[in-house]
Amino acid sequence: MRTLIIALLSLGSFALAAEEKVPVDSTTGMKIAPDWEIVRNHCIVCHSSQTFLRQRATEANWTSTLEWMQKYGGLWKLDPAIQKTIIKYLTTNYGPGDAQNYRRAPVPATLMPMNPYATDARLEVEAKKKEGLIPTSAPTTN
C-alpha cells in the first residue's frame, strides 16, 4: 500500500511539473524563455508582439516569414546566428502544438502580399535604399 501511495504522489508531482507555466513578460506577453529578449528587441521594433504571439508555425514557416520580411517588409538583414536564435525561440514557444493551438495552416511567405501599412521604420528603410545607403542586393564576393 505504501508503494502505491508513493507511486501516486510521484505521478502527481510529474503532472504538476508538466502543467507549470512559463513566465510571461507583462509588457509584451512573450514567454520568458531563453533568448526571448533577442526576439523582443528585433521583432517589436516594427510591430506588436501580438502579431507573432497569435501565430503557430513550423520552423520552415518561421524561416520563410523572416526571409519574406527581410526581402519585402523592411526588416534589415539579420546576422545568420541571430536569425537562427529567433527562429529557435519562435519554433520552441510558438510552434504548431496541437491542432487546437494552430491558428491556420501556414501560408508560405512567398504568397503573402506586400504590407500596405508602412511603419516609420519601413519608410526610413525605403528612403535609405533610394539614397543608396542600404544595398538593394547582397554583396558579391570573388
C-alpha atoms as a PDB file:
ATOM      1  CA  MET A   1       0.000   0.000   0.000  1.00  0.00           C
ATOM      2  CA  ARG A   2       2.809   2.366   0.892  1.00  0.00           C
ATOM      3  CA  THR A   3       4.449   1.734  -2.508  1.00  0.00           C
ATOM      4  CA  LEU A   4       1.183   2.575  -4.250  1.00  0.00           C
ATOM      5  CA  ILE A   5       0.886   5.875  -2.357  1.00  0.00           C
ATOM      6  CA  ILE A   6       4.482   6.823  -3.225  1.00  0.00           C
ATOM      7  CA  ALA A   7       3.863   5.951  -6.873  1.00  0.00           C
ATOM      8  CA  LEU A   8       0.691   8.075  -6.965  1.00  0.00           C
ATOM      9  CA  LEU A   9       2.468  11.007  -5.321  1.00  0.00           C
ATOM     10  CA  SER A  10       5.300  10.733  -7.849  1.00  0.00           C
ATOM     11  CA  LEU A  11       2.857  10.732 -10.747  1.00  0.00           C
ATOM     12  CA  GLY A  12       1.102  13.739  -9.244  1.00  0.00           C
ATOM     13  CA  SER A  13       4.349  15.669  -9.000  1.00  0.00           C
ATOM     14  CA  PHE A  14       5.138  14.886 -12.652  1.00  0.00           C
ATOM     15  CA  ALA A  15       1.697  16.100 -13.663  1.00  0.00           C
ATOM     16  CA  LEU A  16       2.200  19.344 -11.735  1.00  0.00           C
ATOM     17  CA  ALA A  17       5.599  19.866 -13.330  1.00  0.00           C
ATOM     18  CA  ALA A  18       4.082  19.364 -16.791  1.00  0.00           C
ATOM     19  CA  GLU A  19       1.366  21.909 -16.014  1.00  0.00           C
ATOM     20  CA  GLU A  20       3.803  24.587 -14.810  1.00  0.00           C
ATOM     21  CA  LYS A  21       3.505  27.649 -16.943  1.00  0.00           C
ATOM     22  CA  VAL A  22       6.403  29.522 -18.453  1.00  0.00           C
ATOM     23  CA  PRO A  23       6.567  33.063 -17.033  1.00  0.00           C
ATOM     24  CA  VAL A  24       5.261  35.738 -19.369  1.00  0.00           C
ATOM     25  CA  ASP A  25       6.608  39.264 -19.785  1.00  0.00           C
ATOM     26  CA  SER A  26       3.886  41.637 -18.600  1.00  0.00           C
ATOM     27  CA  THR A  27       4.675  44.261 -21.241  1.00  0.00           C
ATOM     28  CA  THR A  28       4.879  42.127 -24.392  1.00  0.00           C
ATOM     29  CA  GLY A  29       3.055  38.947 -23.426  1.00  0.00           C
ATOM     30  CA  MET A  30       6.062  36.938 -24.641  1.00  0.00           C
ATOM     31  CA  LYS A  31       7.151  33.771 -22.872  1.00  0.00           C
ATOM     32  CA  ILE A  32      10.259  34.452 -20.814  1.00  0.00           C
ATOM     33  CA  ALA A  33      12.337  31.622 -22.206  1.00  0.00           C
ATOM     34  CA  PRO A  34      15.945  31.509 -23.405  1.00  0.00           C
ATOM     35  CA  ASP A  35      16.682  34.288 -25.920  1.00  0.00           C
ATOM     36  CA  TRP A  36      13.267  35.946 -25.566  1.00  0.00           C
ATOM     37  CA  GLU A  37      14.907  39.371 -25.222  1.00  0.00           C
ATOM     38  CA  ILE A  38      16.720  38.960 -28.547  1.00  0.00           C
ATOM     39  CA  VAL A  39      13.387  38.204 -30.219  1.00  0.00           C
ATOM     40  CA  ARG A  40      11.730  41.111 -28.443  1.00  0.00           C
ATOM     41  CA  ASN A  41      14.462  43.537 -29.471  1.00  0.00           C
ATOM     42  CA  HIS A  42      14.309  42.534 -33.136  1.00  0.00           C
ATOM     43  CA  CYS A  43      10.593  41.920 -33.636  1.00  0.00           C
ATOM     44  CA  ILE A  44       8.681  44.567 -31.730  1.00  0.00           C
ATOM     45  CA  VAL A  45      10.660  47.382 -33.324  1.00  0.00           C
ATOM     46  CA  CYS A  46       8.280  47.159 -36.294  1.00  0.00           C
ATOM     47  CA  HIS A  47       5.109  45.578 -34.928  1.00  0.00           C
ATOM     48  CA  SER A  48       3.290  44.473 -31.820  1.00  0.00           C
ATOM     49  CA  SER A  49       4.353  41.202 -30.238  1.00  0.00           C
ATOM     50  CA  GLN A  50       0.730  40.118 -30.640  1.00  0.00           C
ATOM     51  CA  THR A  51       1.433  39.789 -34.359  1.00  0.00           C
ATOM     52  CA  PHE A  52       3.542  36.689 -33.745  1.00  0.00           C
ATOM     53  CA  LEU A  53       2.143  35.550 -30.386  1.00  0.00           C
ATOM     54  CA  ARG A  54      -1.110  34.632 -32.114  1.00  0.00           C
ATOM     55  CA  GLN A  55       0.702  32.566 -34.731  1.00  0.00           C
ATOM     56  CA  ARG A  56       1.662  28.929 -34.536  1.00  0.00           C
ATOM     57  CA  ALA A  57       4.182  27.933 -37.159  1.00  0.00           C
ATOM     58  CA  THR A  58       6.755  25.337 -38.015  1.00  0.00           C
ATOM     59  CA  GLU A  59      10.466  26.087 -38.202  1.00  0.00           C
ATOM     60  CA  ALA A  60      10.226  26.203 -42.009  1.00  0.00           C
ATOM     61  CA  ASN A  61       7.352  28.678 -41.879  1.00  0.00           C
ATOM     62  CA  TRP A  62       9.014  30.946 -39.309  1.00  0.00           C
ATOM     63  CA  THR A  63      12.139  30.913 -41.508  1.00  0.00           C
ATOM     64  CA  SER A  64      10.107  31.721 -44.590  1.00  0.00           C
ATOM     65  CA  THR A  65       8.330  34.545 -42.779  1.00  0.00           C
ATOM     66  CA  LEU A  66      11.601  36.121 -41.579  1.00  0.00           C
ATOM     67  CA  GLU A  67      13.091  35.871 -45.050  1.00  0.00           C
ATOM     68  CA  TRP A  68       9.981  37.473 -46.553  1.00  0.00           C
ATOM     69  CA  MET A  69      10.164  40.336 -44.038  1.00  0.00           C
ATOM     70  CA  GLN A  70      13.836  40.902 -44.883  1.00  0.00           C
ATOM     71  CA  LYS A  71      13.129  40.934 -48.597  1.00  0.00           C
ATOM     72  CA  TYR A  72       9.802  42.806 -48.743  1.00  0.00           C
ATOM     73  CA  GLY A  73       8.858  44.050 -45.284  1.00  0.00           C
ATOM     74  CA  GLY A  74      11.635  46.474 -44.452  1.00  0.00           C
ATOM     75  CA  LEU A  75      13.402  44.201 -41.956  1.00  0.00           C
ATOM     76  CA  TRP A  76      17.160  44.659 -42.017  1.00  0.00           C
ATOM     77  CA  LYS A  77      19.364  41.719 -42.994  1.00  0.00           C
ATOM     78  CA  LEU A  78      19.803  39.595 -39.898  1.00  0.00           C
ATOM     79  CA  ASP A  79      23.061  38.002 -38.880  1.00  0.00           C
ATOM     80  CA  PRO A  80      22.613  34.234 -39.524  1.00  0.00           C
ATOM     81  CA  ALA A  81      23.220  33.396 -35.837  1.00  0.00           C
ATOM     82  CA  ILE A  82      20.599  35.941 -34.723  1.00  0.00           C
ATOM     83  CA  GLN A  83      18.130  34.615 -37.300  1.00  0.00           C
ATOM     84  CA  LYS A  84      18.646  31.044 -36.027  1.00  0.00           C
ATOM     85  CA  THR A  85      18.158  32.241 -32.442  1.00  0.00           C
ATOM     86  CA  ILE A  86      14.892  34.000 -33.328  1.00  0.00           C
ATOM     87  CA  ILE A  87      13.579  31.006 -35.269  1.00  0.00           C
ATOM     88  CA  LYS A  88      14.515  28.603 -32.462  1.00  0.00           C
ATOM     89  CA  TYR A  89      12.688  30.732 -29.865  1.00  0.00           C
ATOM     90  CA  LEU A  90       9.583  31.096 -32.060  1.00  0.00           C
ATOM     91  CA  THR A  91       9.513  27.407 -33.005  1.00  0.00           C
ATOM     92  CA  THR A  92      10.006  26.261 -29.417  1.00  0.00           C
ATOM     93  CA  ASN A  93       7.495  28.648 -27.859  1.00  0.00           C
ATOM     94  CA  TYR A  94       5.074  29.324 -30.709  1.00  0.00           C
ATOM     95  CA  GLY A  95       5.320  26.155 -32.774  1.00  0.00           C
ATOM     96  CA  PRO A  96       2.293  24.346 -34.167  1.00  0.00           C
ATOM     97  CA  GLY A  97       1.498  22.462 -30.956  1.00  0.00           C
ATOM     98  CA  ASP A  98      -1.699  20.506 -31.211  1.00  0.00           C
ATOM     99  CA  ALA A  99      -4.401  21.178 -33.786  1.00  0.00           C
ATOM    100  CA  GLN A 100      -6.324  23.336 -31.291  1.00  0.00           C
ATOM    101  CA  ASN A 101      -3.426  25.802 -30.985  1.00  0.00           C
ATOM    102  CA  TYR A 102      -2.770  26.114 -34.691  1.00  0.00           C
ATOM    103  CA  ARG A 103      -4.449  29.268 -35.948  1.00  0.00           C
ATOM    104  CA  ARG A 104      -4.421  28.155 -39.560  1.00  0.00           C
ATOM    105  CA  ALA A 105      -2.285  26.187 -41.950  1.00  0.00           C
ATOM    106  CA  PRO A 106       0.882  28.154 -42.628  1.00  0.00           C
ATOM    107  CA  VAL A 107       0.906  30.289 -45.745  1.00  0.00           C
ATOM    108  CA  PRO A 108       4.294  30.342 -47.441  1.00  0.00           C
ATOM    109  CA  ALA A 109       5.835  33.788 -47.103  1.00  0.00           C
ATOM    110  CA  THR A 110       6.265  33.943 -50.879  1.00  0.00           C
ATOM    111  CA  LEU A 111       2.476  34.018 -51.201  1.00  0.00           C
ATOM    112  CA  MET A 112       1.986  36.798 -48.672  1.00  0.00           C
ATOM    113  CA  PRO A 113       1.011  40.194 -50.088  1.00  0.00           C
ATOM    114  CA  MET A 114       3.049  43.325 -49.599  1.00  0.00           C
ATOM    115  CA  ASN A 115       2.191  45.096 -46.345  1.00  0.00           C
ATOM    116  CA  PRO A 116       0.190  48.216 -47.259  1.00  0.00           C
ATOM    117  CA  TYR A 117       0.721  49.766 -43.832  1.00  0.00           C
ATOM    118  CA  ALA A 118       4.099  51.435 -43.885  1.00  0.00           C
ATOM    119  CA  THR A 119       5.601  51.991 -40.472  1.00  0.00           C
ATOM    120  CA  ASP A 120       8.062  54.767 -39.760  1.00  0.00           C
ATOM    121  CA  ALA A 121      10.832  52.160 -39.699  1.00  0.00           C
ATOM    122  CA  ARG A 122       9.839  50.834 -43.110  1.00  0.00           C
ATOM    123  CA  LEU A 123       9.579  54.328 -44.588  1.00  0.00           C
ATOM    124  CA  GLU A 124      13.049  55.086 -43.233  1.00  0.00           C
ATOM    125  CA  VAL A 125      14.469  51.916 -44.809  1.00  0.00           C
ATOM    126  CA  GLU A 126      12.861  52.720 -48.173  1.00  0.00           C
ATOM    127  CA  ALA A 127      14.224  56.273 -48.082  1.00  0.00           C
ATOM    128  CA  LYS A 128      17.720  54.980 -47.256  1.00  0.00           C
ATOM    129  CA  LYS A 129      17.515  52.477 -50.117  1.00  0.00           C
ATOM    130  CA  LYS A 130      16.636  55.290 -52.536  1.00  0.00           C
ATOM    131  CA  GLU A 131      19.591  57.319 -51.247  1.00  0.00           C
ATOM    132  CA  GLY A 132      21.880  54.325 -51.783  1.00  0.00           C
ATOM    133  CA  LEU A 133      22.668  53.993 -48.078  1.00  0.00           C
ATOM    134  CA  ILE A 134      21.289  50.448 -47.932  1.00  0.00           C
ATOM    135  CA  PRO A 135      22.261  47.985 -50.658  1.00  0.00           C
ATOM    136  CA  THR A 136      19.318  46.542 -52.581  1.00  0.00           C
ATOM    137  CA  SER A 137      21.128  43.276 -53.264  1.00  0.00           C
ATOM    138  CA  ALA A 138      23.600  41.091 -51.439  1.00  0.00           C
ATOM    139  CA  PRO A 139      27.263  41.969 -51.988  1.00  0.00           C
ATOM    140  CA  THR A 140      29.157  39.744 -54.358  1.00  0.00           C
ATOM    141  CA  THR A 141      32.394  38.140 -53.261  1.00  0.00           C
ATOM    142  CA  ASN A 142      35.130  36.975 -55.551  1.00  0.00           C
END
